[in-house]
Protein backbone atom coordinates (compact mmCIF):
# COMPACT_ATOMS: atom_id res chain seq x y z
CA MET A 1 -4.28 94.06 -18.40
CA THR A 2 -5.30 97.53 -19.22
CA GLN A 3 -8.47 96.94 -17.30
CA LEU A 4 -6.52 95.89 -14.29
CA LEU A 5 -4.48 99.02 -14.42
CA ALA A 6 -7.52 101.13 -15.06
CA SER A 7 -9.44 99.58 -12.23
CA ALA A 8 -6.43 99.90 -9.95
CA GLU A 9 -6.04 103.60 -10.95
CA GLY A 10 -9.69 104.36 -10.83
CA GLY A 11 -9.86 103.42 -7.23
CA GLY A 12 -12.64 100.99 -7.94
CA GLU A 13 -12.77 97.60 -6.59
CA PHE A 14 -10.61 95.04 -8.13
CA GLU A 15 -12.05 91.59 -8.48
CA VAL A 16 -9.51 88.89 -8.86
CA LEU A 17 -11.96 86.12 -9.61
CA ALA A 18 -14.02 88.00 -12.12
CA VAL A 19 -13.37 86.69 -15.61
CA PRO A 20 -14.40 88.68 -18.60
CA LEU A 21 -17.25 87.09 -20.47
CA SER A 22 -15.50 87.03 -23.84
CA GLU A 23 -12.51 85.17 -22.39
CA LEU A 24 -14.83 82.71 -20.68
CA ILE A 25 -16.65 81.97 -23.94
CA MET A 26 -13.43 81.69 -25.94
CA GLY A 27 -11.84 79.45 -23.31
CA SER A 28 -14.94 77.23 -23.15
CA ILE A 29 -15.06 76.87 -26.93
CA ALA A 30 -11.32 76.07 -27.07
CA PHE A 31 -11.77 73.53 -24.25
CA LEU A 32 -14.67 71.88 -26.04
CA ILE A 33 -12.72 71.75 -29.29
CA VAL A 34 -9.66 70.25 -27.59
CA PHE A 35 -11.89 67.87 -25.57
CA GLY A 36 -13.78 66.84 -28.71
CA VAL A 37 -10.62 66.27 -30.74
CA LEU A 38 -9.03 64.34 -27.92
CA GLY A 39 -12.22 62.36 -27.35
CA TRP A 40 -12.58 61.66 -31.07
CA LEU A 41 -8.91 60.71 -31.59
CA LEU A 42 -7.81 59.30 -28.24
CA LEU A 43 -11.00 57.83 -26.77
CA PRO A 44 -11.14 54.85 -29.21
CA LYS A 45 -7.46 54.11 -28.54
CA ILE A 46 -7.99 54.39 -24.80
CA LYS A 47 -11.04 52.11 -25.02
CA LYS A 48 -9.06 49.68 -27.13
CA VAL A 49 -6.17 49.64 -24.64
CA LEU A 50 -8.61 49.21 -21.73
CA GLU A 51 -10.38 46.33 -23.54
CA GLU A 52 -7.04 44.69 -24.34
CA ARG A 53 -5.98 45.08 -20.74
CA GLU A 54 -9.32 43.66 -19.57
CA GLU A 55 -8.96 40.75 -21.98
CA ALA A 56 -5.39 40.19 -20.83
CA ILE A 57 -6.47 40.19 -17.21
CA GLU A 58 -9.42 37.89 -17.92
CA GLY A 59 -7.17 35.66 -20.07
CA GLY A 60 -4.60 35.62 -17.29
CA LEU A 61 -7.29 34.69 -14.80
CA LYS A 62 -8.55 31.97 -17.12
CA ARG A 63 -5.02 30.66 -17.63
CA ALA A 64 -4.45 30.79 -13.89
CA ASP A 65 -7.71 28.90 -13.31
CA GLU A 66 -6.75 26.37 -15.99
CA ALA A 67 -3.27 26.01 -14.50
CA LEU A 68 -4.82 25.58 -11.06
CA ALA A 69 -7.23 22.95 -12.39
CA GLU A 70 -4.37 21.23 -14.23
CA ALA A 71 -2.27 21.29 -11.07
CA ALA A 72 -5.16 19.80 -9.09
CA GLN A 73 -5.59 17.11 -11.76
CA MET A 74 -1.87 16.38 -11.72
CA ARG A 75 -2.01 16.17 -7.93
CA GLU A 76 -4.88 13.67 -8.13
CA ASP A 77 -3.00 11.68 -10.79
CA TYR A 78 0.08 11.74 -8.57
CA LYS A 79 -1.95 10.49 -5.61
CA GLU A 80 -3.41 7.70 -7.78
CA GLN A 81 0.07 6.75 -9.00
CA ILE A 82 1.35 6.67 -5.43
CA ALA A 83 -1.61 4.51 -4.39
CA LYS A 84 -0.98 2.16 -7.32
CA ALA A 85 2.73 2.04 -6.52
CA ARG A 86 1.94 1.19 -2.90
CA GLU A 87 -0.46 -1.55 -4.01
CA GLU A 88 2.13 -2.89 -6.43
CA ALA A 89 4.81 -2.81 -3.72
CA SER A 90 2.45 -4.65 -1.39
CA ALA A 91 1.73 -7.25 -4.08
CA ILE A 92 5.46 -7.65 -4.75
CA ARG A 93 6.10 -8.05 -1.00
CA ASN A 94 3.34 -10.66 -0.75
CA GLN A 95 4.68 -12.49 -3.78
CA ALA A 96 8.19 -12.39 -2.33
CA GLN A 97 6.87 -13.80 0.95
CA ALA A 98 5.08 -16.57 -0.95
CA GLU A 99 8.22 -17.32 -2.97
CA LYS A 100 10.26 -17.31 0.23
CA ALA A 101 7.87 -19.79 1.84
CA ALA A 102 7.95 -21.96 -1.31
CA ILE A 103 11.75 -21.90 -1.41
CA ILE A 104 11.95 -22.76 2.28
CA GLU A 105 9.48 -25.61 1.82
CA GLU A 106 11.36 -26.82 -1.24
CA ALA A 107 14.67 -26.70 0.65
CA ARG A 108 13.08 -28.51 3.60
CA ALA A 109 11.73 -31.23 1.29
CA ALA A 110 15.11 -31.56 -0.41
CA ALA A 111 16.82 -31.77 2.98
CA GLN A 112 14.37 -34.42 4.15
CA GLU A 113 14.87 -36.34 0.92
CA GLU A 114 18.63 -36.08 1.31
CA ALA A 115 18.34 -37.17 4.96
CA ALA A 116 16.24 -40.15 3.85
CA LYS A 117 18.91 -41.05 1.27
CA VAL A 118 21.66 -40.74 3.87
CA THR A 119 19.62 -42.83 6.31
CA ALA A 120 18.94 -45.46 3.63
CA ASN A 121 22.63 -45.54 2.70
CA ALA A 122 23.58 -45.82 6.37
CA GLN A 123 21.04 -48.64 6.87
CA ALA A 124 22.40 -50.44 3.80
CA GLN A 125 25.95 -49.96 5.03
CA ILE A 126 24.96 -51.20 8.50
CA GLU A 127 23.29 -54.26 6.95
CA ALA A 128 26.34 -54.93 4.80
CA GLU A 129 28.66 -54.60 7.80
CA LYS A 130 26.29 -56.78 9.84
CA SER A 131 26.36 -59.44 7.12
CA LYS A 132 30.09 -59.18 6.91
CA ALA A 133 30.39 -59.41 10.72
CA VAL A 134 28.04 -62.42 10.80
CA SER A 135 30.00 -64.05 8.00
CA GLU A 136 33.28 -63.37 9.77
CA LEU A 137 31.74 -64.59 13.03
CA HIS A 138 30.58 -67.77 11.27
CA LYS A 139 34.11 -68.29 9.92
CA SER A 140 35.65 -67.56 13.27
CA VAL A 141 33.17 -69.77 15.12
CA GLY A 142 33.65 -72.38 12.40
CA ALA A 143 37.44 -72.24 12.79
CA MET A 144 37.14 -72.49 16.56
CA ALA A 145 34.56 -75.25 16.26
CA THR A 146 36.76 -77.13 13.82
CA ASP A 147 39.73 -76.78 16.08
CA LEU A 148 37.67 -77.75 19.12
CA ALA A 149 36.05 -80.63 17.26
CA GLY A 150 39.46 -81.79 16.12
CA ARG A 151 40.62 -81.84 19.71
CA ILE A 152 37.48 -83.61 20.91
CA VAL A 153 37.40 -86.15 18.12
CA GLY A 154 41.10 -86.58 18.23
CA GLU A 155 41.64 -86.25 14.57
CA SER A 156 42.65 -83.32 12.47
CA LEU A 157 39.87 -81.71 10.52
CA SER A 158 42.04 -79.82 8.16
CA ASP A 159 40.11 -80.94 5.12
CA ASP A 160 38.00 -77.91 4.13
CA ALA A 161 35.01 -79.83 2.85
CA LYS A 162 34.93 -82.05 5.87
CA ALA A 163 35.53 -79.11 8.20
CA GLY A 164 32.80 -77.07 6.49
CA ALA A 165 30.29 -79.89 6.95
CA VAL A 166 31.23 -80.30 10.60
CA VAL A 167 31.00 -76.53 11.19
CA ASP A 168 27.64 -76.26 9.46
CA ARG A 169 26.27 -79.14 11.49
CA PHE A 170 27.66 -77.64 14.70
CA ILE A 171 26.16 -74.19 13.97
CA SER A 172 22.79 -75.68 13.09
CA ASP A 173 22.85 -77.69 16.31
CA LEU A 174 23.64 -74.48 18.23
CA GLU A 175 20.84 -72.61 16.54
CA GLN A 176 18.38 -75.42 17.28
CA SER A 177 19.39 -75.53 20.90
CA ASN A 178 19.08 -71.72 21.15
CA ALA A 179 15.67 -71.92 19.49
CA LYS A 180 14.53 -74.52 22.01
CA VAL A 181 15.82 -72.46 24.95
CA GLY A 182 14.21 -69.28 23.52
CA SER A 183 10.81 -70.97 23.03
CA GLU A 184 10.67 -72.41 26.55
């Protein structure tokens, strides 16, 4: 500072940027000492932090890549499961269609069998009623024939055995005459 005042008083030129050589040397030595101490103490910690950060970033990238690969694998597995589920659903639908057709065919066969039973029962009932009608017709024709024969013969044919024989003979004669007329 004294130099500044002296140079300002002396009327000489004042150089603002001129640094005294001793201060420059002392400042450089202090800077190197501080830089060396900081480099020796802090540089390993800084390197360590940078390496940890680099490892964390690389680890994060690896984990992200692994997660991405796992997600892709899960997506493929999901697609396979969906495809299998669709195939299984299709198989179940086909099986249900086959079962439906089998049930329909079974019901149709049962219905036909039941219809055949009903038809057979109806035929048997018709035959029974036909027999009964023929029997009643024979009795009725027999009664009329007996009555008519009694009138023609002039005697009463109230005796059942005698009347039965007359009726049977009359019916057989009618059947023979119908057979002769039918064959001609």
